[in-house]
Amino acid sequence: MNRKAEEKNIRKLTRLGKLSIAVTIPRDLVVELGWREGQKVVAKKRGRGVFIEDWQPKDWIINQIGP
């Protein structure tokens, strides 16, 4: 990956209200994942980083896995 592409994915944390911090996700990643504005996602701590994935309602998960 060239330097310009690496720099494109560097983001700053931004204060969002009193208790939250936000980070933007590059548009090309959002499009590739099929995500939309306002969609719910889950953020989980993973080692020294953060893992973000699509949120699924509990009843959907139970139906996919089975009782």
PDB file of N, CA and C in Angstrom:
ATOM      1  N   MET A   1       0.849  -1.181   0.000  1.00  0.00           N
ATOM      2  CA  MET A   1       0.000   0.000   0.000  1.00  0.00           C
ATOM      3  C   MET A   1       0.890   1.238   0.000  1.00  0.00           C
ATOM      4  N   ASN A   2       0.583   2.188  -0.872  1.00  0.00           N
ATOM      5  CA  ASN A   2       1.425   3.374  -0.920  1.00  0.00           C
ATOM      6  C   ASN A   2       1.085   4.338   0.223  1.00  0.00           C
ATOM      7  N   ARG A   3       1.942   5.323   0.404  1.00  0.00           N
ATOM      8  CA  ARG A   3       1.811   6.252   1.533  1.00  0.00           C
ATOM      9  C   ARG A   3       0.499   7.035   1.495  1.00  0.00           C
ATOM     10  N   LYS A   4       0.070   7.484   0.330  1.00  0.00           N
ATOM     11  CA  LYS A   4      -1.176   8.253   0.214  1.00  0.00           C
ATOM     12  C   LYS A   4      -2.368   7.409   0.671  1.00  0.00           C
ATOM     13  N   ALA A   5      -2.413   6.143   0.279  1.00  0.00           N
ATOM     14  CA  ALA A   5      -3.510   5.264   0.677  1.00  0.00           C
ATOM     15  C   ALA A   5      -3.500   5.038   2.186  1.00  0.00           C
ATOM     16  N   GLU A   6      -2.323   4.885   2.774  1.00  0.00           N
ATOM     17  CA  GLU A   6      -2.223   4.702   4.221  1.00  0.00           C
ATOM     18  C   GLU A   6      -2.704   5.954   4.948  1.00  0.00           C
ATOM     19  N   GLU A   7      -2.308   7.135   4.475  1.00  0.00           N
ATOM     20  CA  GLU A   7      -2.695   8.387   5.117  1.00  0.00           C
ATOM     21  C   GLU A   7      -4.197   8.627   4.996  1.00  0.00           C
ATOM     22  N   LYS A   8      -4.812   8.132   3.939  1.00  0.00           N
ATOM     23  CA  LYS A   8      -6.243   8.304   3.727  1.00  0.00           C
ATOM     24  C   LYS A   8      -7.046   7.647   4.857  1.00  0.00           C
ATOM     25  N   ASN A   9      -6.519   6.586   5.427  1.00  0.00           N
ATOM     26  CA  ASN A   9      -7.232   5.857   6.473  1.00  0.00           C
ATOM     27  C   ASN A   9      -6.855   6.295   7.885  1.00  0.00           C
ATOM     28  N   ILE A  10      -5.997   7.293   8.029  1.00  0.00           N
ATOM     29  CA  ILE A  10      -5.678   7.826   9.351  1.00  0.00           C
ATOM     30  C   ILE A  10      -6.798   8.776   9.749  1.00  0.00           C
ATOM     31  N   ARG A  11      -7.372   8.560  10.921  1.00  0.00           N
ATOM     32  CA  ARG A  11      -8.500   9.357  11.391  1.00  0.00           C
ATOM     33  C   ARG A  11      -8.203   9.953  12.750  1.00  0.00           C
ATOM     34  N   LYS A  12      -8.858  11.080  13.075  1.00  0.00           N
ATOM     35  CA  LYS A  12      -8.743  11.703  14.388  1.00  0.00           C
ATOM     36  C   LYS A  12      -9.997  11.395  15.192  1.00  0.00           C
ATOM     37  N   LEU A  13      -9.828  11.278  16.509  1.00  0.00           N
ATOM     38  CA  LEU A  13     -10.975  11.136  17.385  1.00  0.00           C
ATOM     39  C   LEU A  13     -11.576  12.520  17.598  1.00  0.00           C
ATOM     40  N   THR A  14     -12.898  12.609  17.580  1.00  0.00           N
ATOM     41  CA  THR A  14     -13.608  13.874  17.710  1.00  0.00           C
ATOM     42  C   THR A  14     -14.610  13.780  18.851  1.00  0.00           C
ATOM     43  N   ARG A  15     -14.655  14.816  19.708  1.00  0.00           N
ATOM     44  CA  ARG A  15     -15.624  14.836  20.804  1.00  0.00           C
ATOM     45  C   ARG A  15     -17.021  14.996  20.220  1.00  0.00           C
ATOM     46  N   LEU A  16     -17.948  14.188  20.729  1.00  0.00           N
ATOM     47  CA  LEU A  16     -19.334  14.215  20.281  1.00  0.00           C
ATOM     48  C   LEU A  16     -20.201  14.308  21.530  1.00  0.00           C
ATOM     49  N   GLY A  17     -20.503  15.510  21.968  1.00  0.00           N
ATOM     50  CA  GLY A  17     -21.223  15.705  23.222  1.00  0.00           C
ATOM     51  C   GLY A  17     -20.255  15.643  24.386  1.00  0.00           C
ATOM     52  N   LYS A  18     -20.788  15.391  25.596  1.00  0.00           N
ATOM     53  CA  LYS A  18     -19.950  15.386  26.793  1.00  0.00           C
ATOM     54  C   LYS A  18     -19.318  14.027  27.078  1.00  0.00           C
ATOM     55  N   LEU A  19     -19.981  12.950  26.684  1.00  0.00           N
ATOM     56  CA  LEU A  19     -19.533  11.624  27.102  1.00  0.00           C
ATOM     57  C   LEU A  19     -19.041  10.726  25.974  1.00  0.00           C
ATOM     58  N   SER A  20     -19.146  11.167  24.748  1.00  0.00           N
ATOM     59  CA  SER A  20     -18.796  10.295  23.623  1.00  0.00           C
ATOM     60  C   SER A  20     -17.680  10.868  22.774  1.00  0.00           C
ATOM     61  N   ILE A  21     -16.951   9.969  22.144  1.00  0.00           N
ATOM     62  CA  ILE A  21     -15.909  10.296  21.176  1.00  0.00           C
ATOM     63  C   ILE A  21     -16.281   9.573  19.886  1.00  0.00           C
ATOM     64  N   ALA A  22     -16.102  10.223  18.750  1.00  0.00           N
ATOM     65  CA  ALA A  22     -16.445   9.622  17.462  1.00  0.00           C
ATOM     66  C   ALA A  22     -15.213   9.535  16.575  1.00  0.00           C
ATOM     67  N   VAL A  23     -15.248   8.575  15.671  1.00  0.00           N
ATOM     68  CA  VAL A  23     -14.226   8.452  14.641  1.00  0.00           C
ATOM     69  C   VAL A  23     -14.959   8.178  13.330  1.00  0.00           C
ATOM     70  N   THR A  24     -14.533   8.834  12.256  1.00  0.00           N
ATOM     71  CA  THR A  24     -15.175   8.591  10.965  1.00  0.00           C
ATOM     72  C   THR A  24     -14.584   7.338  10.332  1.00  0.00           C
ATOM     73  N   ILE A  25     -15.387   6.682   9.522  1.00  0.00           N
ATOM     74  CA  ILE A  25     -14.952   5.491   8.790  1.00  0.00           C
ATOM     75  C   ILE A  25     -14.890   5.878   7.320  1.00  0.00           C
ATOM     76  N   PRO A  26     -13.812   5.532   6.629  1.00  0.00           N
ATOM     77  CA  PRO A  26     -13.705   5.894   5.211  1.00  0.00           C
ATOM     78  C   PRO A  26     -14.917   5.400   4.412  1.00  0.00           C
ATOM     79  N   ARG A  27     -15.427   6.271   3.540  1.00  0.00           N
ATOM     80  CA  ARG A  27     -16.632   5.968   2.774  1.00  0.00           C
ATOM     81  C   ARG A  27     -16.484   4.677   1.967  1.00  0.00           C
ATOM     82  N   ASP A  28     -15.332   4.459   1.372  1.00  0.00           N
ATOM     83  CA  ASP A  28     -15.167   3.252   0.553  1.00  0.00           C
ATOM     84  C   ASP A  28     -15.329   1.982   1.391  1.00  0.00           C
ATOM     85  N   LEU A  29     -14.914   2.008   2.654  1.00  0.00           N
ATOM     86  CA  LEU A  29     -15.114   0.847   3.522  1.00  0.00           C
ATOM     87  C   LEU A  29     -16.592   0.652   3.845  1.00  0.00           C
ATOM     88  N   VAL A  30     -17.296   1.751   4.106  1.00  0.00           N
ATOM     89  CA  VAL A  30     -18.726   1.684   4.410  1.00  0.00           C
ATOM     90  C   VAL A  30     -19.489   1.109   3.213  1.00  0.00           C
ATOM     91  N   VAL A  31     -19.166   1.576   2.021  1.00  0.00           N
ATOM     92  CA  VAL A  31     -19.821   1.075   0.806  1.00  0.00           C
ATOM     93  C   VAL A  31     -19.510  -0.405   0.610  1.00  0.00           C
ATOM     94  N   GLU A  32     -18.255  -0.782   0.773  1.00  0.00           N
ATOM     95  CA  GLU A  32     -17.837  -2.180   0.604  1.00  0.00           C
ATOM     96  C   GLU A  32     -18.569  -3.107   1.569  1.00  0.00           C
ATOM     97  N   LEU A  33     -18.811  -2.630   2.797  1.00  0.00           N
ATOM     98  CA  LEU A  33     -19.502  -3.429   3.806  1.00  0.00           C
ATOM     99  C   LEU A  33     -21.022  -3.402   3.646  1.00  0.00           C
ATOM    100  N   GLY A  34     -21.511  -2.513   2.791  1.00  0.00           N
ATOM    101  CA  GLY A  34     -22.952  -2.408   2.581  1.00  0.00           C
ATOM    102  C   GLY A  34     -23.669  -1.711   3.733  1.00  0.00           C
ATOM    103  N   TRP A  35     -22.920  -0.923   4.518  1.00  0.00           N
ATOM    104  CA  TRP A  35     -23.514  -0.200   5.639  1.00  0.00           C
ATOM    105  C   TRP A  35     -24.159   1.079   5.139  1.00  0.00           C
ATOM    106  N   ARG A  36     -25.123   1.600   5.955  1.00  0.00           N
ATOM    107  CA  ARG A  36     -25.821   2.832   5.610  1.00  0.00           C
ATOM    108  C   ARG A  36     -25.755   3.813   6.774  1.00  0.00           C
ATOM    109  N   GLU A  37     -25.961   5.087   6.489  1.00  0.00           N
ATOM    110  CA  GLU A  37     -26.007   6.107   7.527  1.00  0.00           C
ATOM    111  C   GLU A  37     -27.127   5.765   8.503  1.00  0.00           C
ATOM    112  N   GLY A  38     -26.842   5.876   9.786  1.00  0.00           N
ATOM    113  CA  GLY A  38     -27.836   5.587  10.819  1.00  0.00           C
ATOM    114  C   GLY A  38     -27.905   4.126  11.223  1.00  0.00           C
ATOM    115  N   GLN A  39     -27.167   3.264  10.540  1.00  0.00           N
ATOM    116  CA  GLN A  39     -27.163   1.835  10.858  1.00  0.00           C
ATOM    117  C   GLN A  39     -26.507   1.610  12.206  1.00  0.00           C
ATOM    118  N   LYS A  40     -27.013   0.638  12.956  1.00  0.00           N
ATOM    119  CA  LYS A  40     -26.417   0.313  14.252  1.00  0.00           C
ATOM    120  C   LYS A  40     -25.214  -0.599  14.057  1.00  0.00           C
ATOM    121  N   VAL A  41     -24.145  -0.298  14.793  1.00  0.00           N
ATOM    122  CA  VAL A  41     -22.953  -1.136  14.799  1.00  0.00           C
ATOM    123  C   VAL A  41     -22.535  -1.359  16.243  1.00  0.00           C
ATOM    124  N   VAL A  42     -21.714  -2.362  16.466  1.00  0.00           N
ATOM    125  CA  VAL A  42     -21.208  -2.690  17.794  1.00  0.00           C
ATOM    126  C   VAL A  42     -19.697  -2.472  17.789  1.00  0.00           C
ATOM    127  N   ALA A  43     -19.185  -1.762  18.799  1.00  0.00           N
ATOM    128  CA  ALA A  43     -17.751  -1.544  18.948  1.00  0.00           C
ATOM    129  C   ALA A  43     -17.257  -2.358  20.133  1.00  0.00           C
ATOM    130  N   LYS A  44     -16.235  -3.171  19.917  1.00  0.00           N
ATOM    131  CA  LYS A  44     -15.680  -4.022  20.973  1.00  0.00           C
ATOM    132  C   LYS A  44     -14.180  -3.772  21.078  1.00  0.00           C
ATOM    133  N   LYS A  45     -13.687  -3.755  22.309  1.00  0.00           N
ATOM    134  CA  LYS A  45     -12.249  -3.626  22.525  1.00  0.00           C
ATOM    135  C   LYS A  45     -11.595  -4.939  22.126  1.00  0.00           C
ATOM    136  N   ARG A  46     -10.550  -4.860  21.337  1.00  0.00           N
ATOM    137  CA  ARG A  46      -9.841  -6.057  20.894  1.00  0.00           C
ATOM    138  C   ARG A  46      -8.352  -5.752  21.001  1.00  0.00           C
ATOM    139  N   GLY A  47      -7.704  -6.286  22.050  1.00  0.00           N
ATOM    140  CA  GLY A  47      -6.290  -5.991  22.275  1.00  0.00           C
ATOM    141  C   GLY A  47      -6.099  -4.508  22.543  1.00  0.00           C
ATOM    142  N   ARG A  48      -5.260  -3.871  21.748  1.00  0.00           N
ATOM    143  CA  ARG A  48      -5.029  -2.427  21.883  1.00  0.00           C
ATOM    144  C   ARG A  48      -5.844  -1.634  20.879  1.00  0.00           C
ATOM    145  N   GLY A  49      -6.818  -2.279  20.239  1.00  0.00           N
ATOM    146  CA  GLY A  49      -7.622  -1.609  19.227  1.00  0.00           C
ATOM    147  C   GLY A  49      -9.109  -1.793  19.454  1.00  0.00           C
ATOM    148  N   VAL A  50      -9.872  -1.423  18.445  1.00  0.00           N
ATOM    149  CA  VAL A  50     -11.327  -1.520  18.489  1.00  0.00           C
ATOM    150  C   VAL A  50     -11.791  -2.274  17.253  1.00  0.00           C
ATOM    151  N   PHE A  51     -12.736  -3.190  17.449  1.00  0.00           N
ATOM    152  CA  PHE A  51     -13.338  -3.962  16.366  1.00  0.00           C
ATOM    153  C   PHE A  51     -14.778  -3.482  16.216  1.00  0.00           C
ATOM    154  N   ILE A  52     -15.180  -3.092  15.016  1.00  0.00           N
ATOM    155  CA  ILE A  52     -16.534  -2.600  14.767  1.00  0.00           C
ATOM    156  C   ILE A  52     -17.211  -3.555  13.805  1.00  0.00           C
ATOM    157  N   GLU A  53     -18.424  -4.012  14.188  1.00  0.00           N
ATOM    158  CA  GLU A  53     -19.169  -4.919  13.325  1.00  0.00           C
ATOM    159  C   GLU A  53     -20.638  -4.536  13.308  1.00  0.00           C
ATOM    160  N   ASP A  54     -21.346  -5.051  12.333  1.00  0.00           N
ATOM    161  CA  ASP A  54     -22.768  -4.811  12.192  1.00  0.00           C
ATOM    162  C   ASP A  54     -23.498  -5.347  13.422  1.00  0.00           C
ATOM    163  N   TRP A  55     -24.474  -4.598  13.930  1.00  0.00           N
ATOM    164  CA  TRP A  55     -25.278  -5.026  15.069  1.00  0.00           C
ATOM    165  C   TRP A  55     -26.398  -5.926  14.569  1.00  0.00           C
ATOM    166  N   GLN A  56     -26.654  -6.994  15.303  1.00  0.00           N
ATOM    167  CA  GLN A  56     -27.757  -7.891  14.981  1.00  0.00           C
ATOM    168  C   GLN A  56     -28.662  -8.013  16.203  1.00  0.00           C
ATOM    169  N   PRO A  57     -29.989  -7.908  16.021  1.00  0.00           N
ATOM    170  CA  PRO A  57     -30.894  -8.077  17.163  1.00  0.00           C
ATOM    171  C   PRO A  57     -30.785  -9.496  17.726  1.00  0.00           C
ATOM    172  N   LYS A  58     -31.013  -9.630  19.038  1.00  0.00           N
ATOM    173  CA  LYS A  58     -30.871 -10.932  19.698  1.00  0.00           C
ATOM    174  C   LYS A  58     -31.755 -11.997  19.070  1.00  0.00           C
ATOM    175  N   ASP A  59     -33.009 -11.668  18.727  1.00  0.00           N
ATOM    176  CA  ASP A  59     -33.895 -12.687  18.156  1.00  0.00           C
ATOM    177  C   ASP A  59     -33.398 -13.157  16.793  1.00  0.00           C
ATOM    178  N   TRP A  60     -32.722 -12.287  16.017  1.00  0.00           N
ATOM    179  CA  TRP A  60     -32.146 -12.694  14.748  1.00  0.00           C
ATOM    180  C   TRP A  60     -31.025 -13.689  14.983  1.00  0.00           C
ATOM    181  N   ILE A  61     -30.184 -13.422  15.986  1.00  0.00           N
ATOM    182  CA  ILE A  61     -29.060 -14.304  16.288  1.00  0.00           C
ATOM    183  C   ILE A  61     -29.563 -15.671  16.728  1.00  0.00           C
ATOM    184  N   ILE A  62     -30.586 -15.700  17.587  1.00  0.00           N
ATOM    185  CA  ILE A  62     -31.146 -16.970  18.068  1.00  0.00           C
ATOM    186  C   ILE A  62     -31.711 -17.768  16.896  1.00  0.00           C
ATOM    187  N   ASN A  63     -32.392 -17.096  15.970  1.00  0.00           N
ATOM    188  CA  ASN A  63     -32.959 -17.795  14.801  1.00  0.00           C
ATOM    189  C   ASN A  63     -31.870 -18.354  13.910  1.00  0.00           C
ATOM    190  N   GLN A  64     -30.723 -17.685  13.819  1.00  0.00           N
ATOM    191  CA  GLN A  64     -29.631 -18.155  12.978  1.00  0.00           C
ATOM    192  C   GLN A  64     -28.896 -19.335  13.605  1.00  0.00           C
ATOM    193  N   ILE A  65     -28.738 -19.312  14.922  1.00  0.00           N
ATOM    194  CA  ILE A  65     -28.001 -20.360  15.618  1.00  0.00           C
ATOM    195  C   ILE A  65     -28.896 -21.514  15.990  1.00  0.00           C
ATOM    196  N   GLY A  66     -30.126 -21.224  16.356  1.00  0.00           N
ATOM    197  CA  GLY A  66     -31.059 -22.242  16.814  1.00  0.00           C
ATOM    198  C   GLY A  66     -31.092 -22.279  18.328  1.00  0.00           C
ATOM    199  N   PRO A  67     -32.175 -22.831  18.886  1.00  0.00           N
ATOM    200  CA  PRO A  67     -32.304 -22.864  20.357  1.00  0.00           C
ATOM    201  C   PRO A  67     -31.319 -23.793  21.025  1.00  0.00           C
TER     202      PRO A  67
END
